[in-house]
Protein backbone atom coordinates (compact mmCIF):
# COMPACT_ATOMS: atom_id res chain seq x y z
CA MET A 1 -9.02 20.34 -48.64
CA ALA A 2 -9.12 22.23 -45.33
CA LYS A 3 -9.60 25.99 -45.39
CA GLN A 4 -6.69 28.31 -44.61
CA ILE A 5 -6.57 31.75 -43.02
CA SER A 6 -3.75 34.25 -42.54
CA GLN A 7 -2.08 35.00 -39.24
CA GLN A 8 -3.45 38.54 -39.49
CA THR A 9 -7.04 37.28 -39.71
CA PHE A 10 -6.58 35.10 -36.65
CA ASP A 11 -4.94 37.92 -34.69
CA GLU A 12 -7.77 40.32 -35.57
CA VAL A 13 -10.38 37.90 -34.20
CA VAL A 14 -8.38 37.41 -30.99
CA HIS A 15 -8.01 41.16 -30.46
CA GLU A 16 -11.70 41.66 -31.23
CA ASN A 17 -12.57 39.13 -28.53
CA MET A 18 -10.33 40.93 -26.06
CA LEU A 19 -11.64 44.43 -26.83
CA GLU A 20 -15.34 43.86 -27.44
CA PHE A 21 -16.02 40.94 -25.11
CA ASP A 22 -13.49 41.80 -22.40
CA MET A 23 -11.80 38.37 -22.62
CA ASP A 24 -8.31 37.74 -21.36
CA ALA A 25 -5.70 36.46 -23.83
CA GLU A 26 -6.28 32.77 -23.08
CA GLU A 27 -10.06 33.01 -23.44
CA ALA A 28 -9.75 35.06 -26.62
CA VAL A 29 -7.35 32.62 -28.27
CA ASN A 30 -9.39 29.55 -27.27
CA ASP A 31 -12.58 31.15 -28.57
CA ALA A 32 -10.92 32.07 -31.87
CA VAL A 33 -9.55 28.54 -32.26
CA GLN A 34 -12.99 27.07 -31.59
CA GLN A 35 -14.65 29.43 -34.08
CA PHE A 36 -12.29 28.66 -36.93
CA GLU A 37 -12.07 24.92 -36.31
CA SER A 38 -15.88 24.69 -36.31
CA GLN A 39 -15.72 26.21 -39.81
CA GLY A 40 -13.22 23.57 -40.97
CA VAL A 41 -10.20 25.89 -40.95
CA ASN A 42 -6.74 24.32 -40.56
CA LEU A 43 -4.85 26.25 -37.88
CA SER A 44 -1.65 24.19 -37.94
CA ILE A 45 0.37 27.09 -39.36
CA ILE A 46 -1.12 29.76 -37.10
CA VAL A 47 0.86 31.06 -34.11
CA LYS A 48 -1.31 30.87 -30.97
CA ASP A 49 1.19 31.99 -28.32
CA LEU A 50 -0.69 33.81 -25.54
CA THR A 51 2.20 36.16 -24.78
CA LEU A 52 1.89 37.66 -28.26
CA TYR A 53 -1.55 39.08 -27.50
CA ALA A 54 -0.53 41.32 -24.63
CA THR A 55 -0.80 45.03 -25.42
CA ASP A 56 1.72 47.85 -25.26
CA GLY A 57 1.29 50.81 -22.95
CA ASP A 58 -0.86 52.64 -25.51
CA GLY A 59 -3.20 49.68 -25.84
CA SER A 60 -2.01 48.61 -29.29
CA PRO A 61 -1.21 44.91 -29.86
CA GLN A 62 2.40 43.81 -29.73
CA GLU A 63 4.18 42.88 -32.94
CA HIS A 64 5.31 39.29 -33.35
CA PRO A 65 9.03 39.09 -32.46
CA VAL A 66 9.94 37.41 -35.73
CA ILE A 67 8.17 40.12 -37.76
CA ALA A 68 9.85 42.86 -35.74
CA ALA A 69 13.26 41.25 -36.28
CA ILE A 70 12.66 40.96 -40.04
CA LYS A 71 11.69 44.63 -40.27
CA SER A 72 14.70 45.71 -38.22
CA LEU A 73 17.06 43.63 -40.34
CA SER A 74 15.51 45.04 -43.49
CA SER A 75 16.08 48.58 -42.19
CA VAL A 76 19.75 47.84 -41.58
CA LEU A 77 20.13 46.64 -45.17
CA GLU A 78 18.21 49.59 -46.63
CA ASN A 79 20.49 52.03 -44.85
CA SER A 80 23.55 50.22 -46.24
CA GLU A 81 24.89 49.85 -42.71
CA LEU A 82 26.02 46.28 -42.43
CA CYS A 83 26.50 46.46 -38.66
CA ALA A 84 27.67 43.03 -37.55
CA THR A 85 26.36 43.29 -33.99
CA ASN A 86 22.84 44.44 -34.92
CA SER A 87 22.55 42.02 -37.83
CA ILE A 88 23.58 39.05 -35.71
CA ASP A 89 21.15 40.00 -32.93
CA TYR A 90 18.23 40.12 -35.37
CA LEU A 91 19.35 36.90 -37.08
CA ILE A 92 19.43 35.08 -33.74
CA ILE A 93 15.86 36.20 -32.99
CA ILE A 94 14.67 34.97 -36.40
CA GLN A 95 16.45 31.67 -35.95
CA LYS A 96 15.10 31.05 -32.44
CA GLU A 97 11.54 31.92 -33.46
CA CYS A 98 11.68 29.73 -36.58
CA ASP A 99 13.09 26.84 -34.58
CA ILE A 100 10.01 26.77 -32.34
CA ASP A 101 7.51 25.41 -34.88
CA LEU A 102 6.29 25.46 -38.47
CA ALA A 103 3.70 28.13 -37.68
CA ARG A 104 6.38 30.67 -36.85
CA ARG A 105 8.39 29.67 -39.92
CA CYS A 106 5.33 30.26 -42.10
CA LEU A 107 4.73 33.59 -40.37
CA ALA A 108 8.32 34.65 -41.09
CA GLY A 109 8.09 33.44 -44.68
CA SER A 110 4.87 35.34 -45.34
CA ASN A 111 6.41 38.53 -43.93
CA GLY A 112 9.40 38.76 -46.24
CA ALA A 113 12.05 36.84 -44.30
CA TYR A 114 13.40 35.03 -47.37
CA PRO A 115 14.32 38.07 -49.55
CA VAL A 116 15.84 39.83 -46.52
CA LEU A 117 18.01 36.83 -45.61
CA LEU A 118 18.96 36.28 -49.25
CA GLN A 119 20.04 39.91 -49.58
CA LEU A 120 22.10 39.71 -46.40
CA MET A 121 23.63 36.40 -47.48
CA THR A 122 24.71 37.99 -50.75
CA SER A 123 26.18 41.02 -48.99
CA ALA A 124 27.97 38.97 -46.33
CA GLN A 125 29.88 36.57 -48.58
CA GLU A 126 33.16 38.12 -47.43
CA ASN A 127 32.15 38.29 -43.75
CA ILE A 128 32.30 34.71 -42.51
CA GLU A 129 30.88 35.54 -39.06
CA ILE A 130 27.70 37.09 -40.44
CA LEU A 131 27.47 34.53 -43.26
CA LYS A 132 27.34 31.63 -40.81
CA CYS A 133 24.64 33.38 -38.79
CA VAL A 134 22.62 34.07 -41.94
CA LEU A 135 22.93 30.45 -43.05
CA THR A 136 21.81 29.20 -39.64
CA SER A 137 18.74 31.47 -39.71
CA PHE A 138 18.10 30.57 -43.35
CA CYS A 139 18.09 26.85 -42.49
CA ALA A 140 15.62 27.48 -39.68
CA LEU A 141 13.36 29.45 -42.05
CA VAL A 142 13.26 27.01 -44.99
CA ASN A 143 12.83 23.89 -42.85
CA GLY A 144 9.54 22.57 -44.23
CA GLN A 145 9.22 25.53 -46.63
CA PRO A 146 11.24 24.63 -49.77
CA ASP A 147 8.84 26.69 -51.91
CA LEU A 148 10.40 29.92 -50.63
CA ILE A 149 13.65 29.59 -52.57
CA ASN A 150 13.96 30.92 -56.12
CA THR A 151 16.54 30.66 -58.89
CA GLU A 152 18.62 33.45 -57.36
CA GLY A 153 18.79 31.57 -54.07
CA ILE A 154 19.76 28.29 -55.74
CA ASP A 155 22.53 29.99 -57.70
CA LEU A 156 23.85 31.68 -54.55
CA LEU A 157 23.94 28.46 -52.52
CA ILE A 158 25.79 26.61 -55.28
CA SER A 159 28.25 29.48 -55.52
CA LEU A 160 28.84 29.39 -51.75
CA LEU A 161 29.22 25.60 -51.87
CA LYS A 162 32.11 25.91 -54.29
CA ARG A 163 33.58 28.99 -52.63
CA TYR A 164 33.78 27.50 -49.13
CA LYS A 165 34.71 23.95 -50.11
CA ASP A 166 37.76 24.09 -47.81
CA ASP A 167 35.89 25.35 -44.73
CA PRO A 168 34.14 22.36 -43.07
CA GLU A 169 32.04 24.39 -40.63
CA THR A 170 30.64 26.79 -43.21
CA LEU A 171 30.34 24.02 -45.79
CA SER A 172 28.21 21.99 -43.39
CA LEU A 173 25.72 24.86 -43.06
CA ILE A 174 25.59 25.34 -46.83
CA VAL A 175 24.95 21.63 -47.42
CA ARG A 176 22.19 21.69 -44.82
CA ALA A 177 20.57 24.71 -46.47
CA ILE A 178 20.63 22.97 -49.85
CA ARG A 179 19.27 19.75 -48.40
CA LEU A 180 16.34 21.47 -46.67
CA ASN A 181 15.37 23.05 -49.99
CA CYS A 182 15.43 19.64 -51.69
CA VAL A 183 13.20 17.77 -49.24
CA LYS A 184 9.75 17.18 -50.79
CA HIS A 185 10.54 19.48 -53.71
CA GLU A 186 11.48 17.72 -56.94
CA SER A 187 12.01 20.83 -59.07
CA ASN A 188 14.46 22.26 -56.51
CA ARG A 189 16.33 18.95 -56.50
CA GLN A 190 16.70 18.98 -60.25
CA ALA A 191 17.73 22.64 -60.28
CA PHE A 192 20.54 21.95 -57.81
CA ILE A 193 21.61 18.75 -59.59
CA GLN A 194 21.81 20.57 -62.93
CA GLN A 195 24.46 22.78 -61.33
CA ASP A 196 26.67 19.78 -60.47
CA LEU A 197 25.51 19.44 -56.87
CA ILE A 198 26.20 15.70 -56.81
CA ILE A 199 29.83 16.06 -57.89
CA SER A 200 30.37 18.88 -55.39
CA LEU A 201 28.94 16.80 -52.53
CA THR A 202 30.88 13.64 -53.34
CA ASP A 203 34.10 15.61 -53.81
CA SER A 204 33.58 17.23 -50.40
CA LEU A 205 32.90 13.82 -48.88
CA LYS A 206 36.22 12.51 -50.15
CA LYS A 207 38.10 15.66 -49.17
CA HIS A 208 36.84 15.93 -45.59
CA LYS A 209 37.05 12.32 -44.40
CA SER A 210 38.15 13.39 -40.93
CA GLU A 211 35.18 15.71 -40.30
CA PRO A 212 32.38 13.64 -38.69
CA SER A 213 29.81 16.45 -38.59
CA LEU A 214 30.32 17.33 -42.24
CA ILE A 215 30.30 13.66 -43.28
CA LYS A 216 26.91 13.17 -41.62
CA GLU A 217 25.50 16.33 -43.18
CA ILE A 218 26.66 15.33 -46.68
CA CYS A 219 25.22 11.82 -46.23
CA ILE A 220 21.84 13.24 -45.25
CA GLY A 221 22.05 15.57 -48.24
CA LEU A 222 22.83 12.74 -50.65
CA ARG A 223 19.91 10.73 -49.30
CA ALA A 224 17.58 13.68 -49.85
CA LEU A 225 18.44 13.48 -53.55
CA THR A 226 17.40 9.81 -53.70
CA GLN A 227 13.88 10.33 -52.35
CA ASP A 228 10.68 10.40 -54.37
CA ASP A 229 8.75 12.43 -51.81
CA ASP A 230 7.12 15.28 -53.75
CA ILE A 231 3.43 14.46 -54.17
CA ARG A 232 3.04 17.32 -56.65
CA VAL A 233 4.87 15.48 -59.43
CA PRO A 234 3.72 12.20 -61.01
CA PHE A 235 7.16 10.67 -60.59
CA GLY A 236 10.60 11.85 -59.54
CA LYS A 237 14.12 10.97 -60.57
CA ALA A 238 15.19 9.30 -57.34
CA HIS A 239 16.59 6.22 -59.10
CA ASP A 240 18.45 8.29 -61.69
CA ASN A 241 19.93 10.47 -58.96
CA ALA A 242 21.13 7.45 -56.99
CA LYS A 243 22.70 6.05 -60.14
CA THR A 244 24.47 9.36 -60.83
CA ILE A 245 25.79 9.53 -57.26
CA VAL A 246 27.37 6.09 -57.69
CA THR A 247 28.57 6.24 -61.28
CA GLU A 248 29.68 9.87 -61.57
CA GLY A 249 30.44 10.61 -57.94
CA ASP A 250 32.12 7.26 -57.17
CA ALA A 251 30.24 7.38 -53.87
CA LEU A 252 30.36 3.68 -52.97
CA ARG A 253 34.13 3.60 -52.80
CA ALA A 254 34.27 6.87 -50.87
CA ILE A 255 31.63 5.80 -48.35
CA LEU A 256 33.23 2.41 -47.68
CA GLN A 257 36.64 4.01 -47.17
CA ILE A 258 35.14 6.44 -44.68
CA CYS A 259 33.39 3.55 -42.91
CA GLU A 260 36.79 1.96 -42.33
CA GLU A 261 38.24 5.20 -40.97
CA HIS A 262 35.29 5.75 -38.61
CA GLU A 263 34.59 2.16 -37.59
CA ASN A 264 34.48 3.20 -33.92
CA ASN A 265 32.16 6.17 -34.46
CA ILE A 266 28.68 4.67 -34.34
CA SER A 267 26.81 7.87 -35.25
CA VAL A 268 28.90 8.34 -38.41
CA LEU A 269 28.57 4.66 -39.37
CA ALA A 270 24.80 4.85 -38.99
CA GLU A 271 24.56 7.73 -41.49
CA LEU A 272 26.97 6.04 -43.91
CA PHE A 273 25.02 2.77 -43.76
CA LEU A 274 21.71 4.52 -44.43
CA THR A 275 23.27 6.27 -47.40
CA LEU A 276 24.59 2.98 -48.76
CA ALA A 277 21.09 1.53 -48.49
CA CYS A 278 19.68 4.42 -50.56
CA LEU A 279 22.35 3.92 -53.23
CA ALA A 280 21.94 0.14 -53.56
CA VAL A 281 19.30 0.52 -56.26
CA ARG A 282 20.87 -1.69 -58.92
CA ASN A 283 22.14 -5.25 -58.90
CA GLU A 284 25.66 -4.22 -59.91
CA PHE A 285 25.84 -1.62 -57.13
CA CYS A 286 25.07 -4.29 -54.54
CA LYS A 287 27.75 -6.51 -56.09
CA GLU A 288 30.28 -3.66 -56.10
CA THR A 289 29.63 -2.99 -52.42
CA MET A 290 30.29 -6.65 -51.62
CA ASP A 291 33.41 -6.79 -53.80
CA ARG A 292 34.84 -3.78 -51.98
CA GLY A 293 34.38 -5.54 -48.65
CA GLY A 294 31.24 -3.66 -47.71
CA VAL A 295 29.27 -6.67 -46.45
CA LYS A 296 32.11 -7.80 -44.18
CA LEU A 297 32.49 -4.27 -42.87
CA ILE A 298 28.76 -3.97 -42.15
CA MET A 299 28.62 -7.36 -40.40
CA LYS A 300 31.65 -6.40 -38.31
CA ALA A 301 29.93 -3.19 -37.22
CA PHE A 302 26.72 -5.12 -36.58
CA ASN A 303 28.42 -7.68 -34.34
CA GLY A 304 30.59 -5.08 -32.63
CA GLY A 305 27.66 -2.79 -31.83
CA ILE A 306 25.08 -5.46 -31.08
CA LYS A 307 24.03 -3.63 -27.90
CA ASP A 308 23.42 -0.35 -29.74
CA LYS A 309 19.97 -0.47 -31.33
CA GLY A 310 20.82 2.46 -33.62
CA ILE A 311 23.74 0.84 -35.45
CA VAL A 312 22.01 -2.56 -35.44
CA ARG A 313 18.95 -1.06 -37.11
CA GLN A 314 20.95 0.78 -39.77
CA ALA A 315 23.11 -2.27 -40.45
CA LEU A 316 20.01 -4.40 -40.97
CA ILE A 317 18.51 -1.78 -43.30
CA VAL A 318 21.58 -1.73 -45.54
CA LEU A 319 21.92 -5.53 -45.45
CA LYS A 320 18.31 -5.85 -46.56
CA ALA A 321 18.96 -3.47 -49.45
CA LEU A 322 22.16 -5.22 -50.51
CA ALA A 323 20.50 -8.64 -50.31
CA GLY A 324 18.67 -7.78 -53.51
CA ASN A 325 21.72 -9.36 -55.16
CA ASP A 326 21.81 -13.18 -54.90
CA GLU A 327 25.57 -13.28 -54.40
CA VAL A 328 25.25 -10.87 -51.51
CA LYS A 329 22.64 -13.14 -49.93
CA VAL A 330 25.16 -15.97 -49.89
CA GLU A 331 27.87 -13.71 -48.46
CA ILE A 332 25.57 -12.50 -45.66
CA ALA A 333 24.71 -16.09 -44.79
CA LYS A 334 28.39 -17.04 -44.67
CA LEU A 335 29.09 -14.17 -42.28
CA GLY A 336 26.35 -15.20 -39.83
CA GLY A 337 23.65 -12.81 -40.88
CA ILE A 338 20.77 -15.29 -40.49
CA GLU A 339 21.75 -16.96 -37.25
CA LEU A 340 18.85 -15.75 -35.10
CA LYS A 341 16.26 -17.97 -36.71
CA TYR A 342 18.57 -20.96 -36.74
CA ALA A 343 19.57 -20.35 -33.12
CA CYS A 344 15.93 -20.95 -32.15
CA MET A 345 15.81 -24.08 -34.32
CA ALA A 346 19.03 -25.39 -32.75
CA LEU A 347 17.70 -24.91 -29.21
CA ARG A 348 14.51 -26.69 -30.17
CA ASN A 349 16.44 -29.64 -31.56
CA LEU A 350 18.45 -29.88 -28.32
CA VAL A 351 15.33 -30.49 -26.24
CA THR A 352 12.95 -32.26 -28.62
CA ARG A 353 14.14 -35.74 -27.68
CA ASN A 354 16.31 -34.85 -24.69
CA GLN A 355 14.09 -33.05 -22.21
CA GLU A 356 16.86 -33.16 -19.61
CA ASN A 357 18.58 -30.40 -21.58
CA SER A 358 15.70 -28.03 -20.87
CA THR A 359 16.80 -27.28 -17.31
CA ALA A 360 20.31 -26.28 -18.35
CA ILE A 361 19.09 -24.16 -21.26
CA LEU A 362 16.49 -22.35 -19.14
CA ALA A 363 19.08 -21.73 -16.42
CA LEU A 364 21.08 -19.71 -18.96
CA GLY A 365 18.17 -17.31 -19.44
CA ALA A 366 16.97 -18.70 -22.75
CA GLU A 367 13.28 -17.99 -22.13
CA SER A 368 13.66 -14.21 -21.73
CA LEU A 369 16.06 -13.99 -24.68
CA ILE A 370 13.72 -15.94 -26.96
CA ASN A 371 10.71 -13.86 -25.90
CA ASP A 372 12.72 -10.71 -26.54
CA ALA A 373 13.63 -11.92 -30.04
CA LEU A 374 9.99 -12.89 -30.61
CA GLY A 375 8.80 -9.42 -29.68
CA ARG A 376 11.33 -7.66 -31.90
CA HIS A 377 11.46 -9.91 -34.98
CA LYS A 378 8.21 -11.31 -36.38
CA GLY A 379 10.21 -13.30 -38.92
CA VAL A 380 11.31 -15.78 -36.23
CA GLU A 381 7.84 -16.21 -34.70
CA ASP A 382 7.35 -19.85 -35.75
CA GLU A 383 10.79 -20.99 -34.61
CA ALA A 384 10.68 -19.01 -31.36
CA LYS A 385 7.27 -20.34 -30.35
CA ALA A 386 8.33 -23.88 -31.22
CA VAL A 387 11.35 -23.80 -28.91
CA LEU A 388 9.35 -22.15 -26.10
CA ARG A 389 6.77 -24.90 -26.40
CA ASP A 390 9.38 -27.67 -26.29
CA LEU A 391 11.14 -26.03 -23.34
CA GLY A 392 7.86 -26.16 -21.43
CA CYS A 393 7.53 -22.37 -21.26
CA LYS A 394 4.36 -20.34 -21.50
CA VAL A 395 3.65 -19.54 -25.12
CA ASP A 396 0.68 -18.07 -26.96
CA LEU A 397 -0.11 -20.49 -29.77
CA LYS A 398 -2.75 -19.27 -32.20
CA GLU A 399 -4.99 -21.55 -34.22
CA LEU A 400 -4.68 -20.08 -37.68
CA TRP A 401 -7.66 -21.91 -39.17
CA LYS A 402 -10.72 -23.55 -37.70
CA GLY A 403 -13.02 -25.94 -39.51
CA THR A 404 -16.69 -25.03 -39.80
CA GLY A 405 -17.98 -28.54 -39.21
CA GLN A 406 -19.87 -28.38 -42.48
CA LYS A 407 -19.28 -30.24 -45.68
CA LEU A 408 -17.91 -28.37 -48.65
CA ALA A 409 -20.54 -27.37 -51.14
CA TYR A 410 -19.91 -28.21 -54.77
CA ASP A 411 -21.59 -26.53 -57.69
C-alpha cells in the first residue's frame, strides 16, 4: 500500500523550499512532489495549487480558502448568530472548493467541515434557503468520502427526507446527499435502508412523476442501493436490496408508468432504463416487466431514438438484463430486437448467387453501414465480413488457425 502524508506535511516542505532555498512557488511544489513520490508517497489527495503558497504581507503563508471558510462558518455557529448572508457566502466557498477535486474535499474533511455542516444543517431545518445551500455544500464534501458521515448524520438526512417529501427541489438535494453516502459504503447503505429509505424513495418516485430532475436523482439513488461496490466487505446485499425495491416498493410498475409519461424525454428514459436493468435480478421480475408492456416500451424507445447513442445504449443494457428470462427472449425477437445480424445475412443471400444485385446494394451505401456495424458490434463480425466479401468489398479476413505441417504425435 502506498504511503500517505497530511496536507500540512506537504505544505511545510513547500514553504521550507521557498524560505531556505529561495525557490519560487512552482519550483518548491515540483521539488516537494518529486521528493515524496521518490519515497513512494501517494499525493493524489494533496492540494498542489501554486496560488496557495503565496505569502501575506507579513511573510506568513496564506490559509487554504476552504479551511478559512470552515473556520469562519464555525465562528458564526459558535456565536449563535445564524446570519443568512454570511453563512451562504462561506457555504458557497466550501462548495466551490470541494467541487474542484478530491484533494480539496479531503482537505475540508480533515479540517472539520463535516461536523460544521451537520450542525448548520440541524439549525437550518426551518430556513429553506440556508438548508438548500448547506445540502449543496454537503454533497460536494461527501462526494467520494462516505466515511465522514455518522449515525447522527444518517438520522438527520432520513428526517429531512420525510419532512420535505412535498418539495421536489429540496428533496432532490436530500436524495443526492443520501446517495453519495451510499456509494462504495455497504454499512451506510444498510443503515439508511433500515430506516425505510427504499419505501421513502419509491413513494417519492410515484408522487413526483412530473419532476424530471427528481426522477433522475431518485433513479440514481435506487441504483446505488443495488451495487456491490464496497471492497471492505466480503459480500454486500445488492441482490436483496433490488428484491426489496421491487417487492416492497412496487418499483417496476412505477418506473414503467413514468416511462410512458416521459417517452419523449430521452434523458429521463435513459435513467429509468438503467434502473430497470439493475432491478431485473430475478426471473419473475423480468417476466413482470414484459407482462406490463416493458419490452414493447423499450423497443419503441430504441427504434424512436435510434440516432441517439445514449438511449440506444441504455435500451440495449436493459434488454440484455431482461433477456435472462426465456419468454422475454422470444418477445424481443418478435419485436425486431435481433435484426442487425440477420440484416447482414439477408444482404449476403441477395448477392451470393446474383452478383448483379451487388451494384444496387452498394449504391445504397451498404458498405459504410456494414463497416460501421462491424466496428460497433463484435457479435455480428462473422455475418458482416461474409457480406462484405460477397459484395466484393475490402475486408480483413483472419485465419483463425494454421496447421503446423507436422503429424500429430501419439503417446
